[in-house]
Structure formats: structure tokens, C-alpha cells
Amino acid sequence: MQKKSTPAKRPQPLKKTQRKIIMQVLDKHFIPYISNQDIQTRIDALASQINEDYAGKKSFVYRYT
């Protein structure tokens, strides 16, 4: 029986005081919307969930060349 996963809580946008211009291309300025730490935390949670879902199962990779 698979356990139900709870939906991940969406990260909140950074406050104006936390935003920094990280890149400029021509006249465009880019600021972070989601922090690197929030992205990495979500990646780790997804990886953990995938590992749990496939624990004890044989993996099969098909490669067409």
C-alpha cells in the first residue's frame, strides 16, 4: 500500500529587503524569486520520496541508440 504524500508547501517570495540584483543583461536586471536553499530543500525532499517509492525494486533502463 502506498502512503499518501502531502503536497509540498510552496516557498514564499523573498522580501524586498532580501532581494539582490544577481545579474544584469543589457538593460534587464534579474532578482531571485526562490532562494537556492529553498530549491535545494525541495530537490532533497523529492529525491527522498523517489528513493522511498523505489526501495527494494529493481530498476530497468532502456537505452535506444
PDB file of N, CA and C in Angstrom:
ATOM      1  N   MET A   1       0.842  -1.186   0.000  1.00  0.00           N
ATOM      2  CA  MET A   1       0.000   0.000   0.000  1.00  0.00           C
ATOM      3  C   MET A   1       0.881   1.242   0.000  1.00  0.00           C
ATOM      4  N   GLN A   2       0.635   2.127  -0.925  1.00  0.00           N
ATOM      5  CA  GLN A   2       1.437   3.348  -1.000  1.00  0.00           C
ATOM      6  C   GLN A   2       0.926   4.359   0.005  1.00  0.00           C
ATOM      7  N   LYS A   3       1.877   5.047   0.618  1.00  0.00           N
ATOM      8  CA  LYS A   3       1.442   6.092   1.538  1.00  0.00           C
ATOM      9  C   LYS A   3       1.207   7.376   0.760  1.00  0.00           C
ATOM     10  N   LYS A   4       0.216   8.091   1.179  1.00  0.00           N
ATOM     11  CA  LYS A   4      -0.108   9.347   0.500  1.00  0.00           C
ATOM     12  C   LYS A   4       0.899  10.406   0.913  1.00  0.00           C
ATOM     13  N   SER A   5       1.365  11.125  -0.071  1.00  0.00           N
ATOM     14  CA  SER A   5       2.288  12.209   0.241  1.00  0.00           C
ATOM     15  C   SER A   5       1.497  13.507   0.353  1.00  0.00           C
ATOM     16  N   THR A   6       1.915  14.327   1.264  1.00  0.00           N
ATOM     17  CA  THR A   6       1.264  15.620   1.422  1.00  0.00           C
ATOM     18  C   THR A   6       1.875  16.589   0.434  1.00  0.00           C
ATOM     19  N   PRO A   7       1.076  17.474  -0.126  1.00  0.00           N
ATOM     20  CA  PRO A   7       1.626  18.433  -1.080  1.00  0.00           C
ATOM     21  C   PRO A   7       2.668  19.322  -0.410  1.00  0.00           C
ATOM     22  N   ALA A   8       3.715  19.594  -1.151  1.00  0.00           N
ATOM     23  CA  ALA A   8       4.790  20.437  -0.619  1.00  0.00           C
ATOM     24  C   ALA A   8       4.307  21.870  -0.460  1.00  0.00           C
ATOM     25  N   LYS A   9       4.766  22.487   0.605  1.00  0.00           N
ATOM     26  CA  LYS A   9       4.420  23.883   0.841  1.00  0.00           C
ATOM     27  C   LYS A   9       5.234  24.744  -0.115  1.00  0.00           C
ATOM     28  N   ARG A  10       4.571  25.619  -0.815  1.00  0.00           N
ATOM     29  CA  ARG A  10       5.271  26.478  -1.771  1.00  0.00           C
ATOM     30  C   ARG A  10       6.088  27.523  -1.036  1.00  0.00           C
ATOM     31  N   PRO A  11       7.325  27.754  -1.490  1.00  0.00           N
ATOM     32  CA  PRO A  11       8.129  28.787  -0.844  1.00  0.00           C
ATOM     33  C   PRO A  11       7.555  30.172  -1.114  1.00  0.00           C
ATOM     34  N   GLN A  12       7.662  31.020  -0.142  1.00  0.00           N
ATOM     35  CA  GLN A  12       7.187  32.391  -0.284  1.00  0.00           C
ATOM     36  C   GLN A  12       8.232  33.222  -1.024  1.00  0.00           C
ATOM     37  N   PRO A  13       7.796  34.198  -1.823  1.00  0.00           N
ATOM     38  CA  PRO A  13       8.765  35.070  -2.486  1.00  0.00           C
ATOM     39  C   PRO A  13       9.626  35.792  -1.452  1.00  0.00           C
ATOM     40  N   LEU A  14      10.840  36.092  -1.849  1.00  0.00           N
ATOM     41  CA  LEU A  14      11.741  36.808  -0.951  1.00  0.00           C
ATOM     42  C   LEU A  14      11.208  38.204  -0.685  1.00  0.00           C
ATOM     43  N   LYS A  15      11.429  38.691   0.529  1.00  0.00           N
ATOM     44  CA  LYS A  15      11.034  40.056   0.867  1.00  0.00           C
ATOM     45  C   LYS A  15      11.928  41.023   0.110  1.00  0.00           C
ATOM     46  N   LYS A  16      11.434  42.229  -0.092  1.00  0.00           N
ATOM     47  CA  LYS A  16      12.206  43.218  -0.848  1.00  0.00           C
ATOM     48  C   LYS A  16      13.582  43.452  -0.239  1.00  0.00           C
ATOM     49  N   THR A  17      13.685  43.373   1.075  1.00  0.00           N
ATOM     50  CA  THR A  17      14.980  43.601   1.719  1.00  0.00           C
ATOM     51  C   THR A  17      15.945  42.459   1.474  1.00  0.00           C
ATOM     52  N   GLN A  18      15.426  41.265   1.122  1.00  0.00           N
ATOM     53  CA  GLN A  18      16.280  40.115   0.872  1.00  0.00           C
ATOM     54  C   GLN A  18      16.684  40.001  -0.592  1.00  0.00           C
ATOM     55  N   ARG A  19      16.019  40.717  -1.454  1.00  0.00           N
ATOM     56  CA  ARG A  19      16.302  40.617  -2.882  1.00  0.00           C
ATOM     57  C   ARG A  19      17.562  41.396  -3.231  1.00  0.00           C
ATOM     58  N   LYS A  20      18.351  40.775  -4.045  1.00  0.00           N
ATOM     59  CA  LYS A  20      19.561  41.435  -4.536  1.00  0.00           C
ATOM     60  C   LYS A  20      19.628  41.227  -6.034  1.00  0.00           C
ATOM     61  N   ILE A  21      20.136  42.208  -6.728  1.00  0.00           N
ATOM     62  CA  ILE A  21      20.337  42.045  -8.167  1.00  0.00           C
ATOM     63  C   ILE A  21      21.484  41.065  -8.332  1.00  0.00           C
ATOM     64  N   ILE A  22      21.218  39.960  -9.017  1.00  0.00           N
ATOM     65  CA  ILE A  22      22.274  38.972  -9.173  1.00  0.00           C
ATOM     66  C   ILE A  22      22.850  38.949 -10.575  1.00  0.00           C
ATOM     67  N   MET A  23      22.118  39.519 -11.535  1.00  0.00           N
ATOM     68  CA  MET A  23      22.625  39.511 -12.892  1.00  0.00           C
ATOM     69  C   MET A  23      21.990  40.639 -13.683  1.00  0.00           C
ATOM     70  N   GLN A  24      22.755  41.179 -14.569  1.00  0.00           N
ATOM     71  CA  GLN A  24      22.232  42.193 -15.462  1.00  0.00           C
ATOM     72  C   GLN A  24      22.596  41.800 -16.882  1.00  0.00           C
ATOM     73  N   VAL A  25      21.598  41.788 -17.772  1.00  0.00           N
ATOM     74  CA  VAL A  25      21.802  41.524 -19.189  1.00  0.00           C
ATOM     75  C   VAL A  25      21.208  42.697 -19.942  1.00  0.00           C
ATOM     76  N   LEU A  26      22.068  43.423 -20.601  1.00  0.00           N
ATOM     77  CA  LEU A  26      21.691  44.661 -21.269  1.00  0.00           C
ATOM     78  C   LEU A  26      20.987  45.569 -20.262  1.00  0.00           C
ATOM     79  N   ASP A  27      19.723  45.873 -20.490  1.00  0.00           N
ATOM     80  CA  ASP A  27      19.025  46.766 -19.555  1.00  0.00           C
ATOM     81  C   ASP A  27      18.116  46.005 -18.585  1.00  0.00           C
ATOM     82  N   LYS A  28      18.226  44.677 -18.543  1.00  0.00           N
ATOM     83  CA  LYS A  28      17.377  43.855 -17.682  1.00  0.00           C
ATOM     84  C   LYS A  28      18.130  43.445 -16.423  1.00  0.00           C
ATOM     85  N   HIS A  29      17.455  43.560 -15.275  1.00  0.00           N
ATOM     86  CA  HIS A  29      18.015  43.132 -14.006  1.00  0.00           C
ATOM     87  C   HIS A  29      17.233  41.926 -13.513  1.00  0.00           C
ATOM     88  N   PHE A  30      17.941  40.912 -13.058  1.00  0.00           N
ATOM     89  CA  PHE A  30      17.304  39.698 -12.577  1.00  0.00           C
ATOM     90  C   PHE A  30      17.516  39.565 -11.084  1.00  0.00           C
ATOM     91  N   ILE A  31      16.425  39.266 -10.385  1.00  0.00           N
ATOM     92  CA  ILE A  31      16.484  39.084  -8.936  1.00  0.00           C
ATOM     93  C   ILE A  31      15.944  37.702  -8.592  1.00  0.00           C
ATOM     94  N   PRO A  32      16.411  37.116  -7.500  1.00  0.00           N
ATOM     95  CA  PRO A  32      15.924  35.779  -7.141  1.00  0.00           C
ATOM     96  C   PRO A  32      14.481  35.836  -6.637  1.00  0.00           C
ATOM     97  N   TYR A  33      13.693  34.868  -7.055  1.00  0.00           N
ATOM     98  CA  TYR A  33      12.313  34.751  -6.580  1.00  0.00           C
ATOM     99  C   TYR A  33      12.238  33.666  -5.509  1.00  0.00           C
ATOM    100  N   ILE A  34      12.996  32.585  -5.727  1.00  0.00           N
ATOM    101  CA  ILE A  34      13.083  31.490  -4.766  1.00  0.00           C
ATOM    102  C   ILE A  34      14.562  31.326  -4.432  1.00  0.00           C
ATOM    103  N   SER A  35      14.866  31.209  -3.165  1.00  0.00           N
ATOM    104  CA  SER A  35      16.268  31.111  -2.763  1.00  0.00           C
ATOM    105  C   SER A  35      16.862  29.758  -3.149  1.00  0.00           C
ATOM    106  N   ASN A  36      18.178  29.719  -3.290  1.00  0.00           N
ATOM    107  CA  ASN A  36      18.882  28.477  -3.597  1.00  0.00           C
ATOM    108  C   ASN A  36      18.583  27.424  -2.540  1.00  0.00           C
ATOM    109  N   GLN A  37      18.509  27.850  -1.301  1.00  0.00           N
ATOM    110  CA  GLN A  37      18.254  26.923  -0.196  1.00  0.00           C
ATOM    111  C   GLN A  37      16.862  26.288  -0.322  1.00  0.00           C
ATOM    112  N   ASP A  38      15.852  27.073  -0.697  1.00  0.00           N
ATOM    113  CA  ASP A  38      14.505  26.530  -0.889  1.00  0.00           C
ATOM    114  C   ASP A  38      14.475  25.514  -2.028  1.00  0.00           C
ATOM    115  N   ILE A  39      15.187  25.808  -3.107  1.00  0.00           N
ATOM    116  CA  ILE A  39      15.245  24.887  -4.249  1.00  0.00           C
ATOM    117  C   ILE A  39      15.933  23.594  -3.834  1.00  0.00           C
ATOM    118  N   GLN A  40      17.069  23.703  -3.144  1.00  0.00           N
ATOM    119  CA  GLN A  40      17.802  22.510  -2.723  1.00  0.00           C
ATOM    120  C   GLN A  40      17.001  21.682  -1.738  1.00  0.00           C
ATOM    121  N   THR A  41      16.268  22.329  -0.833  1.00  0.00           N
ATOM    122  CA  THR A  41      15.423  21.613   0.126  1.00  0.00           C
ATOM    123  C   THR A  41      14.362  20.806  -0.604  1.00  0.00           C
ATOM    124  N   ARG A  42      13.745  21.383  -1.618  1.00  0.00           N
ATOM    125  CA  ARG A  42      12.713  20.679  -2.387  1.00  0.00           C
ATOM    126  C   ARG A  42      13.309  19.528  -3.191  1.00  0.00           C
ATOM    127  N   ILE A  43      14.487  19.734  -3.786  1.00  0.00           N
ATOM    128  CA  ILE A  43      15.165  18.668  -4.523  1.00  0.00           C
ATOM    129  C   ILE A  43      15.457  17.497  -3.597  1.00  0.00           C
ATOM    130  N   ASP A  44      15.961  17.788  -2.399  1.00  0.00           N
ATOM    131  CA  ASP A  44      16.259  16.735  -1.427  1.00  0.00           C
ATOM    132  C   ASP A  44      14.998  15.978  -1.032  1.00  0.00           C
ATOM    133  N   ALA A  45      13.881  16.688  -0.848  1.00  0.00           N
ATOM    134  CA  ALA A  45      12.616  16.042  -0.477  1.00  0.00           C
ATOM    135  C   ALA A  45      12.121  15.136  -1.608  1.00  0.00           C
ATOM    136  N   LEU A  46      12.218  15.611  -2.842  1.00  0.00           N
ATOM    137  CA  LEU A  46      11.805  14.793  -3.984  1.00  0.00           C
ATOM    138  C   LEU A  46      12.681  13.557  -4.133  1.00  0.00           C
ATOM    139  N   ALA A  47      13.982  13.718  -3.965  1.00  0.00           N
ATOM    140  CA  ALA A  47      14.907  12.589  -4.066  1.00  0.00           C
ATOM    141  C   ALA A  47      14.594  11.551  -2.993  1.00  0.00           C
ATOM    142  N   SER A  48      14.313  12.010  -1.800  1.00  0.00           N
ATOM    143  CA  SER A  48      13.968  11.112  -0.706  1.00  0.00           C
ATOM    144  C   SER A  48      12.679  10.352  -1.006  1.00  0.00           C
ATOM    145  N   GLN A  49      11.697  11.050  -1.542  1.00  0.00           N
ATOM    146  CA  GLN A  49      10.418  10.424  -1.882  1.00  0.00           C
ATOM    147  C   GLN A  49      10.603   9.382  -2.986  1.00  0.00           C
ATOM    148  N   ILE A  50      11.396   9.704  -3.992  1.00  0.00           N
ATOM    149  CA  ILE A  50      11.657   8.759  -5.083  1.00  0.00           C
ATOM    150  C   ILE A  50      12.380   7.528  -4.537  1.00  0.00           C
ATOM    151  N   ASN A  51      13.367   7.736  -3.676  1.00  0.00           N
ATOM    152  CA  ASN A  51      14.094   6.608  -3.081  1.00  0.00           C
ATOM    153  C   ASN A  51      13.159   5.714  -2.283  1.00  0.00           C
ATOM    154  N   GLU A  52      12.238   6.300  -1.533  1.00  0.00           N
ATOM    155  CA  GLU A  52      11.267   5.515  -0.763  1.00  0.00           C
ATOM    156  C   GLU A  52      10.334   4.748  -1.695  1.00  0.00           C
ATOM    157  N   ASP A  53       9.867   5.397  -2.754  1.00  0.00           N
ATOM    158  CA  ASP A  53       8.932   4.758  -3.684  1.00  0.00           C
ATOM    159  C   ASP A  53       9.565   3.564  -4.401  1.00  0.00           C
ATOM    160  N   TYR A  54      10.852   3.636  -4.678  1.00  0.00           N
ATOM    161  CA  TYR A  54      11.528   2.587  -5.431  1.00  0.00           C
ATOM    162  C   TYR A  54      12.406   1.689  -4.578  1.00  0.00           C
ATOM    163  N   ALA A  55      12.324   1.806  -3.272  1.00  0.00           N
ATOM    164  CA  ALA A  55      13.120   0.968  -2.377  1.00  0.00           C
ATOM    165  C   ALA A  55      12.742  -0.500  -2.571  1.00  0.00           C
ATOM    166  N   GLY A  56      13.744  -1.346  -2.766  1.00  0.00           N
ATOM    167  CA  GLY A  56      13.513  -2.775  -2.923  1.00  0.00           C
ATOM    168  C   GLY A  56      13.077  -3.191  -4.314  1.00  0.00           C
ATOM    169  N   LYS A  57      12.960  -2.271  -5.228  1.00  0.00           N
ATOM    170  CA  LYS A  57      12.553  -2.603  -6.599  1.00  0.00           C
ATOM    171  C   LYS A  57      13.777  -2.573  -7.495  1.00  0.00           C
ATOM    172  N   LYS A  58      13.759  -3.428  -8.501  1.00  0.00           N
ATOM    173  CA  LYS A  58      14.844  -3.428  -9.471  1.00  0.00           C
ATOM    174  C   LYS A  58      14.574  -2.325 -10.491  1.00  0.00           C
ATOM    175  N   SER A  59      15.610  -1.631 -10.849  1.00  0.00           N
ATOM    176  CA  SER A  59      15.432  -0.577 -11.846  1.00  0.00           C
ATOM    177  C   SER A  59      15.736  -1.137 -13.228  1.00  0.00           C
ATOM    178  N   PHE A  60      15.081  -0.593 -14.206  1.00  0.00           N
ATOM    179  CA  PHE A  60      15.264  -1.013 -15.581  1.00  0.00           C
ATOM    180  C   PHE A  60      15.425   0.242 -16.429  1.00  0.00           C
ATOM    181  N   VAL A  61      16.523   0.303 -17.134  1.00  0.00           N
ATOM    182  CA  VAL A  61      16.774   1.443 -18.006  1.00  0.00           C
ATOM    183  C   VAL A  61      16.899   0.919 -19.430  1.00  0.00           C
ATOM    184  N   TYR A  62      16.112   1.460 -20.313  1.00  0.00           N
ATOM    185  CA  TYR A  62      16.150   1.077 -21.713  1.00  0.00           C
ATOM    186  C   TYR A  62      16.834   2.183 -22.488  1.00  0.00           C
ATOM    187  N   ARG A  63      17.825   1.816 -23.230  1.00  0.00           N
ATOM    188  CA  ARG A  63      18.572   2.813 -23.999  1.00  0.00           C
ATOM    189  C   ARG A  63      18.463   2.475 -25.475  1.00  0.00           C
ATOM    190  N   TYR A  64      17.962   3.375 -26.240  1.00  0.00           N
ATOM    191  CA  TYR A  64      17.823   3.195 -27.673  1.00  0.00           C
ATOM    192  C   TYR A  64      18.902   4.007 -28.358  1.00  0.00           C
ATOM    193  N   THR A  65      19.682   3.331 -29.177  1.00  0.00           N
ATOM    194  CA  THR A  65      20.736   4.044 -29.917  1.00  0.00           C
ATOM    195  C   THR A  65      20.652   3.751 -31.376  1.00  0.00           C
TER     196      THR A  65
END
